[in-house]
Amino acid sequence: MAQHAAPAPRRRTGGAALSPTSAAVVLPVLAGIAYGFWAASIQRFGGEVTGGNIALGFVTGILVAALCFGIHHWSKQQAGRHFLARAGAWAVFAGVAVGFLHSLSNPAILWSVVFGAMIAAATFTATYYRYYSASEYV
């Protein structure tokens, strides 16, 4: 009589490692590239490309990518708790990022601060709602 064996279940060892193609790595890198190009293009005011524009683009792009990756990684570790802190981190990040981009176009500084605060408030509201509604404590 022939016996039929079921396939062995897959076993995962440890946590999921970050691969260079995972969304947790690709999205911050793409956001950093887009932010760097955007900042450099705003700062040159339609003129020629200079070394300062290129440096600004690289520095801001690397900072945004690193902060986005770091906040995402920290937020993922805090899953299910600390809704206010997680939403606040994303809100501050978004508000400062948008306020800085807006300040590169030489408006009144108060308007850049107000615009960044509005973006931060909207980001806080959206991320808090998302984290709270996705938690198991609801």
N, C-alpha and C. Protein backbone atom coordinates (compact mmCIF):
# COMPACT_ATOMS: atom_id res chain seq x y z
N MET A 1 0.83 -1.15 0.00
CA MET A 1 0.00 0.00 0.00
C MET A 1 0.89 1.23 0.00
N ALA A 2 0.61 2.17 -0.87
CA ALA A 2 1.42 3.38 -1.00
C ALA A 2 0.94 4.43 -0.01
N GLN A 3 1.88 5.04 0.61
CA GLN A 3 1.52 6.10 1.55
C GLN A 3 1.80 7.45 0.92
N HIS A 4 0.96 8.38 1.25
CA HIS A 4 1.10 9.73 0.71
C HIS A 4 1.57 10.67 1.82
N ALA A 5 2.68 11.33 1.60
CA ALA A 5 3.21 12.24 2.62
C ALA A 5 2.85 13.68 2.26
N ALA A 6 2.41 14.41 3.24
CA ALA A 6 2.10 15.83 3.03
C ALA A 6 3.42 16.61 3.00
N PRO A 7 3.43 17.70 2.24
CA PRO A 7 4.66 18.49 2.21
C PRO A 7 4.94 19.11 3.57
N ALA A 8 6.20 19.23 3.89
CA ALA A 8 6.59 19.79 5.17
C ALA A 8 6.24 21.28 5.21
N PRO A 9 5.75 21.77 6.34
CA PRO A 9 5.42 23.20 6.42
C PRO A 9 6.69 24.06 6.35
N ARG A 10 6.53 25.23 5.78
CA ARG A 10 7.66 26.15 5.70
C ARG A 10 7.94 26.72 7.08
N ARG A 11 9.19 26.82 7.40
CA ARG A 11 9.57 27.37 8.70
C ARG A 11 10.36 28.64 8.48
N ARG A 12 9.96 29.65 9.18
CA ARG A 12 10.67 30.93 9.11
C ARG A 12 11.57 31.04 10.32
N THR A 13 12.79 31.38 10.08
CA THR A 13 13.72 31.56 11.19
C THR A 13 13.93 33.04 11.41
N GLY A 14 13.61 33.51 12.58
CA GLY A 14 13.83 34.91 12.92
C GLY A 14 12.87 35.83 12.20
N GLY A 15 13.22 37.11 12.20
CA GLY A 15 12.40 38.12 11.54
C GLY A 15 12.68 38.17 10.05
N ALA A 16 11.82 38.81 9.34
CA ALA A 16 12.00 38.95 7.90
C ALA A 16 13.14 39.94 7.64
N ALA A 17 14.10 39.50 6.86
CA ALA A 17 15.25 40.35 6.54
C ALA A 17 14.87 41.33 5.44
N LEU A 18 15.49 42.48 5.48
CA LEU A 18 15.24 43.48 4.44
C LEU A 18 16.06 43.14 3.21
N SER A 19 15.38 42.93 2.13
CA SER A 19 16.10 42.72 0.88
C SER A 19 16.11 44.04 0.11
N PRO A 20 17.07 44.21 -0.80
CA PRO A 20 17.14 45.48 -1.54
C PRO A 20 15.92 45.74 -2.41
N THR A 21 15.08 44.73 -2.62
CA THR A 21 13.91 44.92 -3.46
C THR A 21 12.61 45.02 -2.66
N SER A 22 12.70 44.99 -1.33
CA SER A 22 11.48 45.08 -0.55
C SER A 22 10.96 46.51 -0.57
N ALA A 23 9.66 46.66 -0.38
CA ALA A 23 9.03 47.98 -0.43
C ALA A 23 9.55 48.88 0.69
N ALA A 24 9.96 48.29 1.81
CA ALA A 24 10.47 49.09 2.93
C ALA A 24 11.80 49.76 2.58
N VAL A 25 12.48 49.29 1.56
CA VAL A 25 13.74 49.89 1.12
C VAL A 25 13.52 50.72 -0.15
N VAL A 26 12.75 50.21 -1.08
CA VAL A 26 12.58 50.86 -2.38
C VAL A 26 11.80 52.18 -2.25
N LEU A 27 10.73 52.20 -1.48
CA LEU A 27 9.92 53.41 -1.38
C LEU A 27 10.66 54.59 -0.74
N PRO A 28 11.41 54.40 0.37
CA PRO A 28 12.18 55.54 0.87
C PRO A 28 13.26 56.02 -0.10
N VAL A 29 13.87 55.11 -0.83
CA VAL A 29 14.89 55.52 -1.80
C VAL A 29 14.25 56.33 -2.93
N LEU A 30 13.12 55.87 -3.43
CA LEU A 30 12.42 56.63 -4.48
C LEU A 30 11.93 57.98 -3.96
N ALA A 31 11.44 58.01 -2.72
CA ALA A 31 11.00 59.28 -2.14
C ALA A 31 12.18 60.23 -1.98
N GLY A 32 13.34 59.71 -1.58
CA GLY A 32 14.52 60.55 -1.45
C GLY A 32 15.01 61.10 -2.77
N ILE A 33 14.97 60.28 -3.81
CA ILE A 33 15.37 60.74 -5.14
C ILE A 33 14.43 61.83 -5.64
N ALA A 34 13.14 61.59 -5.51
CA ALA A 34 12.16 62.58 -5.97
C ALA A 34 12.28 63.88 -5.17
N TYR A 35 12.45 63.78 -3.86
CA TYR A 35 12.57 64.97 -3.02
C TYR A 35 13.84 65.74 -3.36
N GLY A 36 14.94 65.04 -3.58
CA GLY A 36 16.19 65.70 -3.92
C GLY A 36 16.11 66.45 -5.24
N PHE A 37 15.54 65.82 -6.26
CA PHE A 37 15.36 66.50 -7.55
C PHE A 37 14.44 67.70 -7.41
N TRP A 38 13.37 67.54 -6.64
CA TRP A 38 12.40 68.61 -6.47
C TRP A 38 13.04 69.80 -5.75
N ALA A 39 13.77 69.53 -4.68
CA ALA A 39 14.43 70.61 -3.94
C ALA A 39 15.45 71.33 -4.81
N ALA A 40 16.23 70.58 -5.57
CA ALA A 40 17.25 71.20 -6.42
C ALA A 40 16.60 72.04 -7.52
N SER A 41 15.51 71.57 -8.09
CA SER A 41 14.87 72.32 -9.16
C SER A 41 14.17 73.58 -8.65
N ILE A 42 13.63 73.53 -7.44
CA ILE A 42 13.01 74.74 -6.87
C ILE A 42 14.09 75.77 -6.56
N GLN A 43 15.21 75.33 -6.02
CA GLN A 43 16.23 76.24 -5.55
C GLN A 43 16.97 76.95 -6.69
N ARG A 44 17.01 76.39 -7.88
CA ARG A 44 17.75 77.05 -8.96
C ARG A 44 16.92 78.10 -9.69
N PHE A 45 15.64 78.25 -9.40
CA PHE A 45 14.78 79.31 -9.94
C PHE A 45 14.81 79.39 -11.47
N GLY A 46 14.86 78.27 -12.14
CA GLY A 46 14.84 78.25 -13.60
C GLY A 46 16.16 78.61 -14.24
N GLY A 47 17.19 78.80 -13.46
CA GLY A 47 18.51 79.14 -14.00
C GLY A 47 19.30 77.89 -14.31
N GLU A 48 20.59 78.09 -14.44
CA GLU A 48 21.45 76.96 -14.78
C GLU A 48 21.72 76.10 -13.55
N VAL A 49 22.10 74.87 -13.81
CA VAL A 49 22.40 73.94 -12.73
C VAL A 49 23.80 74.25 -12.21
N THR A 50 23.92 74.38 -10.91
CA THR A 50 25.21 74.66 -10.29
C THR A 50 25.58 73.54 -9.33
N GLY A 51 26.79 73.60 -8.83
CA GLY A 51 27.23 72.61 -7.85
C GLY A 51 26.42 72.67 -6.57
N GLY A 52 26.00 73.88 -6.20
CA GLY A 52 25.17 74.03 -5.01
C GLY A 52 23.82 73.34 -5.17
N ASN A 53 23.24 73.43 -6.38
CA ASN A 53 21.97 72.74 -6.63
C ASN A 53 22.13 71.23 -6.50
N ILE A 54 23.22 70.73 -7.07
CA ILE A 54 23.46 69.28 -7.02
C ILE A 54 23.69 68.83 -5.58
N ALA A 55 24.49 69.62 -4.83
CA ALA A 55 24.75 69.26 -3.43
C ALA A 55 23.46 69.29 -2.62
N LEU A 56 22.64 70.33 -2.81
CA LEU A 56 21.37 70.41 -2.10
C LEU A 56 20.50 69.21 -2.42
N GLY A 57 20.44 68.83 -3.68
CA GLY A 57 19.63 67.68 -4.08
C GLY A 57 20.11 66.39 -3.43
N PHE A 58 21.42 66.16 -3.43
CA PHE A 58 21.94 64.94 -2.81
C PHE A 58 21.72 64.92 -1.30
N VAL A 59 22.03 66.01 -0.64
CA VAL A 59 21.90 66.04 0.82
C VAL A 59 20.45 65.88 1.25
N THR A 60 19.55 66.64 0.63
CA THR A 60 18.14 66.53 1.03
C THR A 60 17.57 65.16 0.66
N GLY A 61 17.95 64.63 -0.48
CA GLY A 61 17.47 63.31 -0.88
C GLY A 61 17.92 62.22 0.07
N ILE A 62 19.19 62.27 0.48
CA ILE A 62 19.70 61.26 1.41
C ILE A 62 19.03 61.40 2.78
N LEU A 63 18.85 62.64 3.24
CA LEU A 63 18.18 62.85 4.53
C LEU A 63 16.75 62.35 4.52
N VAL A 64 16.01 62.67 3.47
CA VAL A 64 14.62 62.23 3.40
C VAL A 64 14.54 60.71 3.33
N ALA A 65 15.39 60.08 2.53
CA ALA A 65 15.36 58.63 2.43
C ALA A 65 15.71 57.98 3.77
N ALA A 66 16.73 58.50 4.44
CA ALA A 66 17.13 57.92 5.73
C ALA A 66 16.05 58.12 6.80
N LEU A 67 15.48 59.32 6.87
CA LEU A 67 14.43 59.57 7.85
C LEU A 67 13.18 58.76 7.57
N CYS A 68 12.81 58.65 6.31
CA CYS A 68 11.63 57.87 5.93
C CYS A 68 11.83 56.40 6.30
N PHE A 69 13.01 55.87 5.99
CA PHE A 69 13.31 54.49 6.33
C PHE A 69 13.32 54.29 7.84
N GLY A 70 13.95 55.22 8.56
CA GLY A 70 14.04 55.09 10.01
C GLY A 70 12.69 55.18 10.70
N ILE A 71 11.88 56.14 10.30
CA ILE A 71 10.55 56.28 10.91
C ILE A 71 9.70 55.06 10.60
N HIS A 72 9.77 54.57 9.37
CA HIS A 72 8.99 53.38 9.00
C HIS A 72 9.44 52.17 9.82
N HIS A 73 10.74 52.00 9.96
CA HIS A 73 11.26 50.85 10.71
C HIS A 73 10.86 50.94 12.19
N TRP A 74 11.00 52.12 12.79
CA TRP A 74 10.61 52.31 14.18
C TRP A 74 9.11 52.12 14.35
N SER A 75 8.33 52.65 13.42
CA SER A 75 6.87 52.55 13.52
C SER A 75 6.42 51.10 13.39
N LYS A 76 7.12 50.35 12.57
CA LYS A 76 6.77 48.94 12.41
C LYS A 76 7.04 48.16 13.70
N GLN A 77 8.09 48.53 14.43
CA GLN A 77 8.40 47.88 15.70
C GLN A 77 7.36 48.21 16.77
N GLN A 78 6.72 49.37 16.66
CA GLN A 78 5.75 49.82 17.64
C GLN A 78 4.32 49.42 17.26
N ALA A 79 4.17 48.49 16.35
CA ALA A 79 2.84 48.12 15.85
C ALA A 79 1.90 47.75 16.99
N GLY A 80 0.70 48.32 16.95
CA GLY A 80 -0.32 48.01 17.93
C GLY A 80 -0.30 48.88 19.17
N ARG A 81 0.67 49.78 19.28
CA ARG A 81 0.73 50.66 20.44
C ARG A 81 1.37 51.99 20.05
N HIS A 82 1.32 52.94 20.93
CA HIS A 82 1.91 54.27 20.73
C HIS A 82 1.37 54.96 19.47
N PHE A 83 0.05 55.01 19.36
CA PHE A 83 -0.55 55.63 18.17
C PHE A 83 -0.16 57.10 18.05
N LEU A 84 -0.18 57.81 19.16
CA LEU A 84 0.14 59.24 19.13
C LEU A 84 1.59 59.48 18.71
N ALA A 85 2.50 58.71 19.26
CA ALA A 85 3.92 58.90 18.92
C ALA A 85 4.19 58.56 17.46
N ARG A 86 3.61 57.48 16.99
CA ARG A 86 3.84 57.09 15.59
C ARG A 86 3.24 58.11 14.63
N ALA A 87 2.02 58.54 14.89
CA ALA A 87 1.38 59.53 14.03
C ALA A 87 2.11 60.87 14.14
N GLY A 88 2.58 61.21 15.32
CA GLY A 88 3.33 62.45 15.51
C GLY A 88 4.64 62.46 14.76
N ALA A 89 5.33 61.33 14.74
CA ALA A 89 6.60 61.25 14.01
C ALA A 89 6.39 61.48 12.52
N TRP A 90 5.38 60.83 11.94
CA TRP A 90 5.09 61.03 10.52
C TRP A 90 4.62 62.46 10.25
N ALA A 91 3.86 63.03 11.17
CA ALA A 91 3.36 64.40 10.98
C ALA A 91 4.50 65.40 10.99
N VAL A 92 5.41 65.27 11.94
CA VAL A 92 6.55 66.19 11.99
C VAL A 92 7.41 66.03 10.74
N PHE A 93 7.65 64.81 10.34
CA PHE A 93 8.44 64.55 9.13
C PHE A 93 7.80 65.21 7.91
N ALA A 94 6.52 64.98 7.71
CA ALA A 94 5.83 65.54 6.54
C ALA A 94 5.77 67.06 6.61
N GLY A 95 5.47 67.61 7.77
CA GLY A 95 5.37 69.06 7.91
C GLY A 95 6.69 69.76 7.65
N VAL A 96 7.76 69.23 8.21
CA VAL A 96 9.08 69.84 8.00
C VAL A 96 9.51 69.69 6.54
N ALA A 97 9.27 68.53 5.95
CA ALA A 97 9.67 68.30 4.57
C ALA A 97 8.95 69.26 3.61
N VAL A 98 7.66 69.40 3.77
CA VAL A 98 6.89 70.28 2.89
C VAL A 98 7.20 71.74 3.18
N GLY A 99 7.34 72.09 4.45
CA GLY A 99 7.68 73.46 4.80
C GLY A 99 9.04 73.87 4.24
N PHE A 100 10.01 72.96 4.28
CA PHE A 100 11.33 73.25 3.72
C PHE A 100 11.26 73.45 2.21
N LEU A 101 10.54 72.56 1.53
CA LEU A 101 10.41 72.72 0.07
C LEU A 101 9.75 74.05 -0.26
N HIS A 102 8.73 74.41 0.50
CA HIS A 102 8.04 75.66 0.23
C HIS A 102 8.95 76.85 0.51
N SER A 103 9.80 76.75 1.52
CA SER A 103 10.69 77.87 1.85
C SER A 103 11.76 78.09 0.79
N LEU A 104 12.05 77.09 -0.01
CA LEU A 104 13.05 77.25 -1.07
C LEU A 104 12.58 78.21 -2.17
N SER A 105 11.28 78.43 -2.26
CA SER A 105 10.75 79.32 -3.30
C SER A 105 10.70 80.78 -2.84
N ASN A 106 11.32 81.09 -1.70
CA ASN A 106 11.43 82.44 -1.13
C ASN A 106 10.10 83.13 -0.83
N PRO A 107 9.15 82.46 -0.19
CA PRO A 107 7.95 83.17 0.26
C PRO A 107 8.23 83.79 1.62
N ALA A 108 7.23 84.39 2.22
CA ALA A 108 7.37 84.84 3.60
C ALA A 108 7.52 83.60 4.48
N ILE A 109 8.45 83.67 5.43
CA ILE A 109 8.76 82.49 6.24
C ILE A 109 7.55 82.05 7.06
N LEU A 110 6.73 82.97 7.46
CA LEU A 110 5.54 82.62 8.23
C LEU A 110 4.60 81.74 7.41
N TRP A 111 4.47 82.02 6.12
CA TRP A 111 3.61 81.21 5.27
C TRP A 111 4.17 79.79 5.12
N SER A 112 5.49 79.63 5.05
CA SER A 112 6.08 78.29 5.00
C SER A 112 5.80 77.52 6.27
N VAL A 113 5.88 78.20 7.42
CA VAL A 113 5.61 77.55 8.69
C VAL A 113 4.13 77.14 8.77
N VAL A 114 3.24 78.05 8.38
CA VAL A 114 1.80 77.74 8.43
C VAL A 114 1.47 76.60 7.47
N PHE A 115 2.04 76.62 6.28
CA PHE A 115 1.79 75.57 5.29
C PHE A 115 2.30 74.22 5.80
N GLY A 116 3.50 74.20 6.39
CA GLY A 116 4.03 72.97 6.97
C GLY A 116 3.18 72.47 8.11
N ALA A 117 2.66 73.39 8.94
CA ALA A 117 1.79 72.99 10.05
C ALA A 117 0.47 72.40 9.56
N MET A 118 -0.07 72.96 8.49
CA MET A 118 -1.31 72.40 7.93
C MET A 118 -1.07 70.99 7.39
N ILE A 119 0.03 70.79 6.70
CA ILE A 119 0.36 69.45 6.20
C ILE A 119 0.59 68.49 7.36
N ALA A 120 1.28 68.96 8.41
CA ALA A 120 1.52 68.11 9.58
C ALA A 120 0.21 67.72 10.26
N ALA A 121 -0.71 68.66 10.38
CA ALA A 121 -2.00 68.35 11.01
C ALA A 121 -2.79 67.33 10.19
N ALA A 122 -2.80 67.49 8.89
CA ALA A 122 -3.50 66.53 8.03
C ALA A 122 -2.84 65.16 8.08
N THR A 123 -1.52 65.13 8.09
CA THR A 123 -0.80 63.86 8.16
C THR A 123 -1.04 63.18 9.51
N PHE A 124 -1.02 63.96 10.59
CA PHE A 124 -1.28 63.39 11.91
C PHE A 124 -2.67 62.76 11.97
N THR A 125 -3.65 63.48 11.47
CA THR A 125 -5.02 62.98 11.50
C THR A 125 -5.15 61.68 10.71
N ALA A 126 -4.59 61.66 9.52
CA ALA A 126 -4.70 60.47 8.67
C ALA A 126 -3.95 59.28 9.23
N THR A 127 -2.72 59.49 9.70
CA THR A 127 -1.95 58.35 10.21
C THR A 127 -2.49 57.86 11.56
N TYR A 128 -2.95 58.77 12.40
CA TYR A 128 -3.54 58.32 13.66
C TYR A 128 -4.78 57.47 13.39
N TYR A 129 -5.62 57.91 12.49
CA TYR A 129 -6.82 57.14 12.14
C TYR A 129 -6.43 55.77 11.58
N ARG A 130 -5.42 55.74 10.74
CA ARG A 130 -5.00 54.48 10.14
C ARG A 130 -4.44 53.53 11.20
N TYR A 131 -3.58 54.03 12.08
CA TYR A 131 -3.00 53.16 13.11
C TYR A 131 -4.05 52.70 14.12
N TYR A 132 -4.93 53.61 14.52
CA TYR A 132 -5.93 53.25 15.51
C TYR A 132 -6.95 52.27 14.95
N SER A 133 -7.38 52.49 13.71
CA SER A 133 -8.39 51.60 13.14
C SER A 133 -7.82 50.23 12.76
N ALA A 134 -6.52 50.14 12.55
CA ALA A 134 -5.91 48.87 12.19
C ALA A 134 -5.46 48.08 13.41
N SER A 135 -5.56 48.68 14.60
CA SER A 135 -5.10 47.98 15.80
C SER A 135 -6.12 46.95 16.26
N GLU A 136 -5.67 46.07 17.08
CA GLU A 136 -6.56 45.04 17.60
C GLU A 136 -7.27 45.48 18.87
N TYR A 137 -6.99 46.68 19.36
CA TYR A 137 -7.58 47.18 20.59
C TYR A 137 -8.90 47.91 20.37
N VAL A 138 -9.32 48.05 19.13
CA VAL A 138 -10.54 48.81 18.83
C VAL A 138 -11.77 48.02 19.22
